[in-house]
Amino acid sequence: MELVKNVDLSRFSKEFLCGDVMDDRLMRNVAGMELIQEAMKSILLCENRTEGTFRYTVHNISSLSPTFVSSPEYYMRNLRWSVFLRTNYSRPKSLAVFVKCKSDSSSTWSCKVSYELRLLKQKADGPSYTKMSTRIFEPNKSSWGYDPFISWDQLMDPENGYVKDDSIVIEVKLIEVAPNPDVVPMA
């Protein structure tokens, strides 16, 4: 119970809360039920919001491989969002960063979203390294981003301050754009 009280349950999926967190001890405990109810309310708010920002810290960046590394999922508008990245060893070597959208629905879905991908500075003052775009996400095109996002030399240069303790922080800002006739509104 003490562990659950110190964890932000709103960052977990409904499936995890319903299947794993809602065990008999919490269900028979008033404080446990209150925690679960608050987490479920928070999840519903997250699922229905039209914009949001999440961060992902990538450790051991100097040994990042060409295989994609993916962040935990973030819920917005009943869709699961994540950021994934990898190195690209083409000349010159670079970092590739993408936003991915997934749906639990088997029906056709589509959403138009403006997104910003930010590489946050950790050591130096100044602006983040940012790229932005507006795209339509749908089942057959569920990820968009940049390859290259930033050159490897620029990323690893200590003067730029993007790497600290062999880690970088990627921030993703998502904003749902007003529907247009070609976009199926999200549920």
N, C-alpha and C. Protein backbone atom coordinates (compact mmCIF):
# COMPACT_ATOMS: atom_id res chain seq x y z
N MET A 1 0.83 -1.19 0.00
CA MET A 1 0.00 0.00 0.00
C MET A 1 0.87 1.25 0.00
N GLU A 2 1.93 1.26 0.80
CA GLU A 2 2.80 2.43 0.86
C GLU A 2 3.46 2.68 -0.49
N LEU A 3 3.86 1.62 -1.20
CA LEU A 3 4.48 1.78 -2.52
C LEU A 3 3.49 2.42 -3.48
N VAL A 4 2.27 1.94 -3.51
CA VAL A 4 1.25 2.48 -4.40
C VAL A 4 0.98 3.95 -4.10
N LYS A 5 1.01 4.34 -2.83
CA LYS A 5 0.74 5.72 -2.44
C LYS A 5 1.81 6.66 -3.00
N ASN A 6 3.03 6.17 -3.19
CA ASN A 6 4.14 7.01 -3.65
C ASN A 6 4.38 6.93 -5.15
N VAL A 7 3.51 6.28 -5.88
CA VAL A 7 3.66 6.13 -7.32
C VAL A 7 2.54 6.90 -8.01
N ASP A 8 2.86 7.62 -9.08
CA ASP A 8 1.85 8.32 -9.86
C ASP A 8 1.17 7.31 -10.77
N LEU A 9 0.03 6.78 -10.31
CA LEU A 9 -0.67 5.74 -11.05
C LEU A 9 -1.26 6.25 -12.36
N SER A 10 -1.42 7.56 -12.51
CA SER A 10 -2.01 8.09 -13.73
C SER A 10 -1.12 7.86 -14.95
N ARG A 11 0.14 7.51 -14.76
CA ARG A 11 1.04 7.28 -15.88
C ARG A 11 0.94 5.87 -16.43
N PHE A 12 0.10 5.04 -15.79
CA PHE A 12 -0.05 3.66 -16.22
C PHE A 12 -1.36 3.48 -16.99
N SER A 13 -1.44 2.43 -17.78
CA SER A 13 -2.63 2.17 -18.58
C SER A 13 -3.77 1.66 -17.71
N LYS A 14 -4.99 1.78 -18.24
CA LYS A 14 -6.16 1.25 -17.54
C LYS A 14 -6.01 -0.26 -17.34
N GLU A 15 -5.45 -0.93 -18.35
CA GLU A 15 -5.30 -2.39 -18.27
C GLU A 15 -4.39 -2.78 -17.10
N PHE A 16 -3.29 -2.05 -16.93
CA PHE A 16 -2.39 -2.33 -15.83
C PHE A 16 -3.08 -2.08 -14.50
N LEU A 17 -3.76 -0.95 -14.38
CA LEU A 17 -4.45 -0.64 -13.12
C LEU A 17 -5.52 -1.68 -12.80
N CYS A 18 -6.31 -2.02 -13.80
CA CYS A 18 -7.41 -2.96 -13.56
C CYS A 18 -6.90 -4.37 -13.32
N GLY A 19 -5.85 -4.77 -14.02
CA GLY A 19 -5.38 -6.14 -13.92
C GLY A 19 -4.37 -6.39 -12.81
N ASP A 20 -3.46 -5.46 -12.60
CA ASP A 20 -2.37 -5.70 -11.66
C ASP A 20 -2.48 -4.92 -10.36
N VAL A 21 -2.89 -3.67 -10.43
CA VAL A 21 -2.93 -2.84 -9.23
C VAL A 21 -4.16 -3.14 -8.39
N MET A 22 -5.26 -3.45 -9.04
CA MET A 22 -6.51 -3.66 -8.31
C MET A 22 -6.59 -5.07 -7.72
N ASP A 23 -5.63 -5.41 -6.89
CA ASP A 23 -5.70 -6.71 -6.25
C ASP A 23 -6.59 -6.63 -5.00
N ASP A 24 -6.83 -7.76 -4.38
CA ASP A 24 -7.77 -7.83 -3.26
C ASP A 24 -7.41 -6.90 -2.11
N ARG A 25 -6.12 -6.76 -1.81
CA ARG A 25 -5.72 -5.91 -0.68
C ARG A 25 -6.13 -4.46 -0.90
N LEU A 26 -5.94 -3.96 -2.11
CA LEU A 26 -6.33 -2.57 -2.38
C LEU A 26 -7.85 -2.43 -2.48
N MET A 27 -8.50 -3.43 -3.04
CA MET A 27 -9.94 -3.35 -3.23
C MET A 27 -10.68 -3.36 -1.88
N ARG A 28 -10.10 -3.99 -0.87
CA ARG A 28 -10.74 -4.04 0.45
C ARG A 28 -10.27 -2.90 1.35
N ASN A 29 -9.47 -2.02 0.85
CA ASN A 29 -8.88 -0.95 1.63
C ASN A 29 -9.41 0.39 1.10
N VAL A 30 -10.01 1.19 1.98
CA VAL A 30 -10.60 2.46 1.57
C VAL A 30 -9.55 3.38 0.95
N ALA A 31 -8.39 3.49 1.57
CA ALA A 31 -7.33 4.35 1.03
C ALA A 31 -6.86 3.83 -0.33
N GLY A 32 -6.78 2.52 -0.47
CA GLY A 32 -6.39 1.92 -1.75
C GLY A 32 -7.40 2.22 -2.84
N MET A 33 -8.67 2.11 -2.52
CA MET A 33 -9.72 2.42 -3.50
C MET A 33 -9.67 3.89 -3.90
N GLU A 34 -9.42 4.77 -2.94
CA GLU A 34 -9.33 6.20 -3.26
C GLU A 34 -8.16 6.47 -4.21
N LEU A 35 -7.02 5.82 -3.98
CA LEU A 35 -5.88 5.98 -4.88
C LEU A 35 -6.22 5.50 -6.29
N ILE A 36 -6.87 4.35 -6.39
CA ILE A 36 -7.24 3.80 -7.69
C ILE A 36 -8.23 4.72 -8.40
N GLN A 37 -9.21 5.24 -7.67
CA GLN A 37 -10.20 6.14 -8.27
C GLN A 37 -9.53 7.41 -8.79
N GLU A 38 -8.61 7.99 -8.04
CA GLU A 38 -7.91 9.20 -8.48
C GLU A 38 -7.08 8.90 -9.73
N ALA A 39 -6.41 7.76 -9.73
CA ALA A 39 -5.61 7.40 -10.90
C ALA A 39 -6.49 7.22 -12.13
N MET A 40 -7.63 6.57 -11.99
CA MET A 40 -8.53 6.37 -13.12
C MET A 40 -9.07 7.70 -13.63
N LYS A 41 -9.41 8.64 -12.74
CA LYS A 41 -9.86 9.97 -13.18
C LYS A 41 -8.76 10.66 -13.97
N SER A 42 -7.55 10.57 -13.48
CA SER A 42 -6.42 11.20 -14.15
C SER A 42 -6.19 10.59 -15.52
N ILE A 43 -6.32 9.28 -15.63
CA ILE A 43 -6.15 8.60 -16.93
C ILE A 43 -7.22 9.08 -17.90
N LEU A 44 -8.46 9.19 -17.45
CA LEU A 44 -9.53 9.66 -18.33
C LEU A 44 -9.24 11.08 -18.82
N LEU A 45 -8.73 11.93 -17.95
CA LEU A 45 -8.37 13.29 -18.37
C LEU A 45 -7.25 13.25 -19.41
N CYS A 46 -6.25 12.38 -19.20
CA CYS A 46 -5.15 12.26 -20.15
C CYS A 46 -5.65 11.78 -21.50
N GLU A 47 -6.57 10.81 -21.48
CA GLU A 47 -7.06 10.24 -22.73
C GLU A 47 -7.86 11.25 -23.53
N ASN A 48 -8.50 12.20 -22.87
CA ASN A 48 -9.37 13.15 -23.57
C ASN A 48 -8.71 14.48 -23.87
N ARG A 49 -7.52 14.73 -23.39
CA ARG A 49 -6.88 16.02 -23.66
C ARG A 49 -6.48 16.11 -25.12
N THR A 50 -6.41 17.34 -25.63
CA THR A 50 -6.08 17.56 -27.04
C THR A 50 -4.64 18.01 -27.23
N GLU A 51 -3.91 18.16 -26.14
CA GLU A 51 -2.48 18.44 -26.25
C GLU A 51 -1.76 17.91 -25.03
N GLY A 52 -0.49 17.67 -25.19
CA GLY A 52 0.29 17.17 -24.07
C GLY A 52 1.77 17.17 -24.40
N THR A 53 2.57 17.06 -23.36
CA THR A 53 4.02 17.04 -23.49
C THR A 53 4.56 15.90 -22.62
N PHE A 54 5.49 15.14 -23.16
CA PHE A 54 6.15 14.12 -22.36
C PHE A 54 7.64 14.10 -22.69
N ARG A 55 8.42 13.57 -21.74
CA ARG A 55 9.88 13.50 -21.88
C ARG A 55 10.36 12.06 -21.79
N TYR A 56 11.46 11.83 -22.45
CA TYR A 56 12.09 10.52 -22.41
C TYR A 56 13.60 10.72 -22.29
N THR A 57 14.19 10.14 -21.25
CA THR A 57 15.63 10.20 -21.06
C THR A 57 16.26 8.94 -21.65
N VAL A 58 17.20 9.14 -22.53
CA VAL A 58 17.91 8.04 -23.18
C VAL A 58 19.28 7.94 -22.54
N HIS A 59 19.53 6.82 -21.87
CA HIS A 59 20.81 6.59 -21.21
C HIS A 59 21.77 5.88 -22.16
N ASN A 60 23.05 5.98 -21.87
CA ASN A 60 24.10 5.34 -22.68
C ASN A 60 24.01 5.76 -24.14
N ILE A 61 23.80 7.05 -24.36
CA ILE A 61 23.62 7.56 -25.73
C ILE A 61 24.84 7.28 -26.60
N SER A 62 26.03 7.27 -26.02
CA SER A 62 27.24 7.05 -26.83
C SER A 62 27.27 5.65 -27.44
N SER A 63 26.52 4.71 -26.87
CA SER A 63 26.50 3.36 -27.44
C SER A 63 25.14 3.00 -28.04
N LEU A 64 24.33 4.02 -28.37
CA LEU A 64 23.03 3.78 -29.00
C LEU A 64 23.24 3.09 -30.34
N SER A 65 22.45 2.08 -30.61
CA SER A 65 22.63 1.29 -31.83
C SER A 65 21.63 1.72 -32.91
N PRO A 66 21.75 1.13 -34.09
CA PRO A 66 20.80 1.43 -35.16
C PRO A 66 19.42 0.80 -34.92
N THR A 67 19.31 -0.04 -33.88
CA THR A 67 18.02 -0.61 -33.51
C THR A 67 17.24 0.44 -32.72
N PHE A 68 15.96 0.60 -33.04
CA PHE A 68 15.17 1.64 -32.38
C PHE A 68 15.00 1.39 -30.89
N VAL A 69 15.09 2.47 -30.12
CA VAL A 69 14.81 2.49 -28.69
C VAL A 69 13.53 3.30 -28.54
N SER A 70 12.59 2.80 -27.73
CA SER A 70 11.29 3.45 -27.62
C SER A 70 10.98 3.87 -26.19
N SER A 71 10.30 4.99 -26.06
CA SER A 71 9.89 5.50 -24.76
C SER A 71 8.67 4.74 -24.25
N PRO A 72 8.36 4.88 -22.97
CA PRO A 72 7.06 4.40 -22.49
C PRO A 72 5.95 5.16 -23.23
N GLU A 73 4.76 4.59 -23.24
CA GLU A 73 3.66 5.21 -23.96
C GLU A 73 2.99 6.29 -23.14
N TYR A 74 2.48 7.29 -23.83
CA TYR A 74 1.79 8.43 -23.26
C TYR A 74 0.40 8.45 -23.90
N TYR A 75 -0.63 8.63 -23.10
CA TYR A 75 -2.00 8.59 -23.62
C TYR A 75 -2.53 9.99 -23.90
N MET A 76 -3.09 10.17 -25.10
CA MET A 76 -3.76 11.40 -25.47
C MET A 76 -4.83 11.05 -26.49
N ARG A 77 -6.05 11.47 -26.24
CA ARG A 77 -7.19 11.27 -27.14
C ARG A 77 -7.41 9.79 -27.48
N ASN A 78 -7.33 8.96 -26.44
CA ASN A 78 -7.55 7.52 -26.58
C ASN A 78 -6.55 6.85 -27.51
N LEU A 79 -5.42 7.49 -27.73
CA LEU A 79 -4.35 6.92 -28.54
C LEU A 79 -3.08 6.85 -27.70
N ARG A 80 -2.22 5.89 -28.03
CA ARG A 80 -0.95 5.72 -27.32
C ARG A 80 0.16 6.35 -28.16
N TRP A 81 0.92 7.24 -27.53
CA TRP A 81 1.99 7.95 -28.21
C TRP A 81 3.33 7.57 -27.59
N SER A 82 4.36 7.50 -28.41
CA SER A 82 5.71 7.27 -27.90
C SER A 82 6.70 7.94 -28.83
N VAL A 83 7.91 8.09 -28.35
CA VAL A 83 9.00 8.59 -29.18
C VAL A 83 10.00 7.45 -29.33
N PHE A 84 10.55 7.29 -30.51
CA PHE A 84 11.59 6.28 -30.67
C PHE A 84 12.72 6.87 -31.49
N LEU A 85 13.91 6.36 -31.21
CA LEU A 85 15.10 6.92 -31.85
C LEU A 85 16.16 5.86 -32.04
N ARG A 86 17.10 6.20 -32.89
CA ARG A 86 18.22 5.31 -33.19
C ARG A 86 19.33 6.13 -33.81
N THR A 87 20.50 5.54 -33.90
CA THR A 87 21.57 6.17 -34.65
C THR A 87 21.44 5.76 -36.11
N ASN A 88 21.90 6.63 -36.96
CA ASN A 88 21.97 6.35 -38.38
C ASN A 88 23.44 6.46 -38.75
N TYR A 89 24.01 5.34 -39.19
CA TYR A 89 25.45 5.30 -39.45
C TYR A 89 25.83 5.73 -40.85
N SER A 90 24.88 6.26 -41.61
CA SER A 90 25.25 6.77 -42.93
C SER A 90 26.15 7.99 -42.75
N ARG A 91 26.79 8.42 -43.78
CA ARG A 91 27.70 9.56 -43.70
C ARG A 91 26.92 10.85 -43.83
N PRO A 92 27.01 11.78 -42.93
CA PRO A 92 27.63 11.66 -41.61
C PRO A 92 26.68 10.97 -40.64
N LYS A 93 27.25 10.39 -39.60
CA LYS A 93 26.48 9.71 -38.56
C LYS A 93 25.53 10.72 -37.91
N SER A 94 24.30 10.26 -37.58
CA SER A 94 23.31 11.18 -37.01
C SER A 94 22.37 10.44 -36.07
N LEU A 95 21.52 11.22 -35.41
CA LEU A 95 20.47 10.68 -34.54
C LEU A 95 19.14 10.86 -35.26
N ALA A 96 18.35 9.79 -35.33
CA ALA A 96 17.01 9.83 -35.93
C ALA A 96 15.99 9.79 -34.79
N VAL A 97 14.95 10.63 -34.88
CA VAL A 97 13.92 10.70 -33.84
C VAL A 97 12.55 10.73 -34.50
N PHE A 98 11.62 9.90 -33.98
CA PHE A 98 10.28 9.79 -34.54
C PHE A 98 9.22 9.77 -33.43
N VAL A 99 8.02 10.19 -33.78
CA VAL A 99 6.85 10.08 -32.91
C VAL A 99 5.98 8.98 -33.49
N LYS A 100 5.47 8.10 -32.62
CA LYS A 100 4.61 7.00 -33.07
C LYS A 100 3.29 7.06 -32.35
N CYS A 101 2.23 6.75 -33.08
CA CYS A 101 0.87 6.73 -32.54
C CYS A 101 0.28 5.35 -32.76
N LYS A 102 -0.35 4.80 -31.73
CA LYS A 102 -1.00 3.49 -31.83
C LYS A 102 -2.41 3.59 -31.26
N SER A 103 -3.27 2.75 -31.76
CA SER A 103 -4.65 2.69 -31.26
C SER A 103 -4.98 1.27 -30.87
N ASP A 104 -5.79 1.13 -29.82
CA ASP A 104 -6.28 -0.19 -29.44
C ASP A 104 -7.49 -0.57 -30.28
N SER A 105 -8.01 0.38 -31.03
CA SER A 105 -9.21 0.16 -31.82
C SER A 105 -8.88 -0.58 -33.10
N SER A 106 -9.77 -1.47 -33.50
CA SER A 106 -9.59 -2.17 -34.76
C SER A 106 -10.23 -1.37 -35.90
N SER A 107 -10.97 -0.32 -35.55
CA SER A 107 -11.61 0.49 -36.58
C SER A 107 -10.61 1.46 -37.21
N THR A 108 -11.00 2.02 -38.31
CA THR A 108 -10.15 3.00 -38.98
C THR A 108 -10.09 4.26 -38.14
N TRP A 109 -8.92 4.80 -37.97
CA TRP A 109 -8.75 6.02 -37.21
C TRP A 109 -7.75 6.91 -37.94
N SER A 110 -7.81 8.17 -37.63
CA SER A 110 -6.92 9.14 -38.22
C SER A 110 -6.93 10.38 -37.35
N CYS A 111 -5.79 11.03 -37.22
CA CYS A 111 -5.74 12.29 -36.48
C CYS A 111 -4.63 13.16 -37.04
N LYS A 112 -4.91 14.44 -37.09
CA LYS A 112 -3.94 15.42 -37.56
C LYS A 112 -3.34 16.09 -36.33
N VAL A 113 -2.03 16.01 -36.21
CA VAL A 113 -1.34 16.48 -35.01
C VAL A 113 -0.13 17.32 -35.39
N SER A 114 0.02 18.43 -34.70
CA SER A 114 1.27 19.19 -34.76
C SER A 114 2.16 18.66 -33.65
N TYR A 115 3.41 18.44 -33.97
CA TYR A 115 4.32 17.94 -32.93
C TYR A 115 5.64 18.69 -32.98
N GLU A 116 6.24 18.79 -31.81
CA GLU A 116 7.58 19.35 -31.67
C GLU A 116 8.45 18.30 -31.02
N LEU A 117 9.59 18.05 -31.61
CA LEU A 117 10.59 17.16 -31.03
C LEU A 117 11.73 18.05 -30.54
N ARG A 118 12.01 17.98 -29.24
CA ARG A 118 13.03 18.86 -28.66
C ARG A 118 14.12 18.02 -28.00
N LEU A 119 15.35 18.37 -28.32
CA LEU A 119 16.50 17.82 -27.62
C LEU A 119 16.88 18.87 -26.60
N LEU A 120 16.67 18.57 -25.32
CA LEU A 120 16.85 19.58 -24.27
C LEU A 120 18.32 19.74 -23.92
N LYS A 121 18.70 20.99 -23.67
CA LYS A 121 20.06 21.28 -23.19
C LYS A 121 20.11 20.91 -21.71
N GLN A 122 21.19 20.26 -21.30
CA GLN A 122 21.33 19.85 -19.92
C GLN A 122 22.46 20.58 -19.19
N LYS A 123 23.39 21.14 -19.94
CA LYS A 123 24.55 21.76 -19.31
C LYS A 123 24.65 23.25 -19.61
N ALA A 124 24.27 23.67 -20.77
CA ALA A 124 24.48 25.06 -21.18
C ALA A 124 23.14 25.80 -21.26
N ASP A 125 23.21 27.09 -21.09
CA ASP A 125 22.02 27.90 -21.28
C ASP A 125 21.73 28.01 -22.77
N GLY A 126 20.50 28.33 -23.07
CA GLY A 126 20.13 28.51 -24.47
C GLY A 126 18.97 27.62 -24.85
N PRO A 127 18.52 27.80 -26.07
CA PRO A 127 17.33 27.05 -26.51
C PRO A 127 17.64 25.58 -26.79
N SER A 128 16.59 24.80 -26.74
CA SER A 128 16.67 23.39 -27.11
C SER A 128 16.85 23.29 -28.62
N TYR A 129 17.30 22.13 -29.06
CA TYR A 129 17.34 21.84 -30.49
C TYR A 129 15.96 21.30 -30.85
N THR A 130 15.23 21.99 -31.72
CA THR A 130 13.82 21.67 -31.96
C THR A 130 13.52 21.53 -33.44
N LYS A 131 12.71 20.54 -33.76
CA LYS A 131 12.12 20.40 -35.09
C LYS A 131 10.63 20.17 -34.90
N MET A 132 9.82 20.75 -35.79
CA MET A 132 8.38 20.59 -35.67
C MET A 132 7.73 20.35 -37.03
N SER A 133 6.55 19.76 -36.96
CA SER A 133 5.80 19.46 -38.17
C SER A 133 4.34 19.21 -37.81
N THR A 134 3.50 19.18 -38.82
CA THR A 134 2.10 18.78 -38.66
C THR A 134 1.86 17.65 -39.64
N ARG A 135 1.34 16.55 -39.14
CA ARG A 135 1.13 15.36 -39.98
C ARG A 135 -0.17 14.67 -39.61
N ILE A 136 -0.64 13.84 -40.53
CA ILE A 136 -1.80 12.99 -40.26
C ILE A 136 -1.27 11.62 -39.88
N PHE A 137 -1.66 11.15 -38.70
CA PHE A 137 -1.30 9.82 -38.21
C PHE A 137 -2.49 8.90 -38.46
N GLU A 138 -2.24 7.71 -38.98
CA GLU A 138 -3.28 6.71 -39.25
C GLU A 138 -2.64 5.33 -39.22
N PRO A 139 -3.43 4.26 -39.25
CA PRO A 139 -2.84 2.93 -39.08
C PRO A 139 -1.69 2.61 -40.04
N ASN A 140 -1.80 2.98 -41.30
CA ASN A 140 -0.73 2.63 -42.25
C ASN A 140 0.40 3.67 -42.28
N LYS A 141 0.26 4.77 -41.56
CA LYS A 141 1.34 5.75 -41.42
C LYS A 141 1.26 6.33 -40.01
N SER A 142 1.72 5.52 -39.07
CA SER A 142 1.54 5.85 -37.65
C SER A 142 2.76 6.50 -37.02
N SER A 143 3.82 6.72 -37.79
CA SER A 143 4.99 7.39 -37.22
C SER A 143 5.55 8.41 -38.20
N TRP A 144 5.98 9.52 -37.62
CA TRP A 144 6.59 10.60 -38.39
C TRP A 144 7.77 11.14 -37.59
N GLY A 145 8.73 11.68 -38.28
CA GLY A 145 9.87 12.27 -37.57
C GLY A 145 10.97 12.67 -38.51
N TYR A 146 12.19 12.59 -38.01
CA TYR A 146 13.33 13.10 -38.75
C TYR A 146 14.50 12.12 -38.72
N ASP A 147 15.02 11.84 -39.90
CA ASP A 147 16.22 11.04 -40.06
C ASP A 147 17.03 11.69 -41.17
N PRO A 148 17.95 12.58 -40.84
CA PRO A 148 18.51 12.83 -39.52
C PRO A 148 17.73 13.89 -38.75
N PHE A 149 17.76 13.76 -37.42
CA PHE A 149 17.24 14.79 -36.53
C PHE A 149 18.35 15.78 -36.22
N ILE A 150 19.51 15.26 -35.84
CA ILE A 150 20.69 16.09 -35.54
C ILE A 150 21.92 15.26 -35.87
N SER A 151 22.99 15.93 -36.32
CA SER A 151 24.22 15.19 -36.61
C SER A 151 24.81 14.67 -35.31
N TRP A 152 25.52 13.57 -35.40
CA TRP A 152 26.12 12.95 -34.22
C TRP A 152 27.18 13.88 -33.61
N ASP A 153 27.94 14.54 -34.46
CA ASP A 153 28.97 15.46 -33.96
C ASP A 153 28.34 16.61 -33.18
N GLN A 154 27.25 17.16 -33.69
CA GLN A 154 26.56 18.26 -33.01
C GLN A 154 25.96 17.77 -31.69
N LEU A 155 25.39 16.57 -31.70
CA LEU A 155 24.79 15.99 -30.49
C LEU A 155 25.85 15.80 -29.40
N MET A 156 26.97 15.22 -29.76
CA MET A 156 27.98 14.83 -28.77
C MET A 156 28.94 15.96 -28.39
N ASP A 157 28.89 17.08 -29.09
CA ASP A 157 29.79 18.21 -28.79
C ASP A 157 29.49 18.76 -27.40
N PRO A 158 30.44 18.68 -26.45
CA PRO A 158 30.21 19.16 -25.08
C PRO A 158 29.81 20.63 -25.00
N GLU A 159 30.26 21.42 -25.96
CA GLU A 159 29.91 22.85 -25.99
C GLU A 159 28.40 23.06 -26.13
N ASN A 160 27.71 22.14 -26.78
CA ASN A 160 26.27 22.29 -27.00
C ASN A 160 25.44 21.92 -25.76
N GLY A 161 25.98 21.08 -24.89
CA GLY A 161 25.32 20.76 -23.63
C GLY A 161 24.12 19.84 -23.73
N TYR A 162 24.02 19.04 -24.80
CA TYR A 162 22.88 18.12 -24.94
C TYR A 162 23.08 16.83 -24.15
N VAL A 163 24.33 16.42 -23.96
CA VAL A 163 24.64 15.15 -23.30
C VAL A 163 25.18 15.43 -21.90
N LYS A 164 24.60 14.74 -20.92
CA LYS A 164 25.08 14.82 -19.54
C LYS A 164 25.09 13.41 -18.97
N ASP A 165 26.20 12.98 -18.44
CA ASP A 165 26.35 11.63 -17.89
C ASP A 165 25.93 10.58 -18.91
N ASP A 166 26.30 10.80 -20.16
CA ASP A 166 26.02 9.89 -21.27
C ASP A 166 24.51 9.70 -21.49
N SER A 167 23.72 10.73 -21.19
CA SER A 167 22.27 10.67 -21.37
C SER A 167 21.78 11.93 -22.08
N ILE A 168 20.70 11.78 -22.84
CA ILE A 168 20.02 12.92 -23.45
C ILE A 168 18.56 12.89 -23.04
N VAL A 169 17.89 14.04 -23.16
CA VAL A 169 16.47 14.13 -22.84
C VAL A 169 15.75 14.64 -24.09
N ILE A 170 14.81 13.84 -24.56
CA ILE A 170 13.96 14.21 -25.69
C ILE A 170 12.59 14.58 -25.12
N GLU A 171 12.09 15.73 -25.55
CA GLU A 171 10.75 16.17 -25.13
C GLU A 171 9.87 16.21 -26.38
N VAL A 172 8.66 15.72 -26.24
CA VAL A 172 7.70 15.69 -27.34
C VAL A 172 6.47 16.50 -26.92
N LYS A 173 6.09 17.45 -27.75
CA LYS A 173 4.87 18.21 -27.52
C LYS A 173 3.91 17.87 -28.66
N LEU A 174 2.69 17.45 -28.29
CA LEU A 174 1.66 17.08 -29.26
C LEU A 174 0.48 18.02 -29.13
N ILE A 175 -0.05 18.48 -30.26
CA ILE A 175 -1.24 19.31 -30.27
C ILE A 175 -2.15 18.81 -31.37
N GLU A 176 -3.35 18.38 -30.99
CA GLU A 176 -4.32 17.95 -31.99
C GLU A 176 -4.77 19.17 -32.77
N VAL A 177 -4.74 19.06 -34.09
CA VAL A 177 -5.17 20.15 -34.96
C VAL A 177 -6.64 19.95 -35.26
N ALA A 178 -7.37 21.03 -35.42
CA ALA A 178 -8.81 20.95 -35.71
C ALA A 178 -9.04 20.02 -36.89
N PRO A 179 -10.06 19.16 -36.79
CA PRO A 179 -10.32 18.21 -37.88
C PRO A 179 -10.62 18.92 -39.20
N ASN A 180 -10.25 18.28 -40.28
CA ASN A 180 -10.62 18.77 -41.60
C ASN A 180 -11.41 17.68 -42.31
N PRO A 181 -12.02 17.93 -43.46
CA PRO A 181 -12.87 16.92 -44.11
C PRO A 181 -12.16 15.61 -44.44
N ASP A 182 -10.84 15.64 -44.58
CA ASP A 182 -10.10 14.42 -44.92
C ASP A 182 -9.69 13.59 -43.71
N VAL A 183 -9.98 14.09 -42.51
CA VAL A 183 -9.53 13.42 -41.29
C VAL A 183 -10.73 12.89 -40.52
N VAL A 184 -10.68 11.62 -40.16
CA VAL A 184 -11.75 11.03 -39.34
C VAL A 184 -11.57 11.55 -37.93
N PRO A 185 -12.60 12.18 -37.33
CA PRO A 185 -12.44 12.69 -35.95
C PRO A 185 -12.14 11.55 -34.99
N MET A 186 -11.33 11.86 -33.99
CA MET A 186 -10.99 10.87 -32.98
C MET A 186 -12.16 10.70 -32.03
N ALA A 187 -12.30 9.50 -31.50
CA ALA A 187 -13.39 9.21 -30.55
C ALA A 187 -13.14 9.88 -29.23
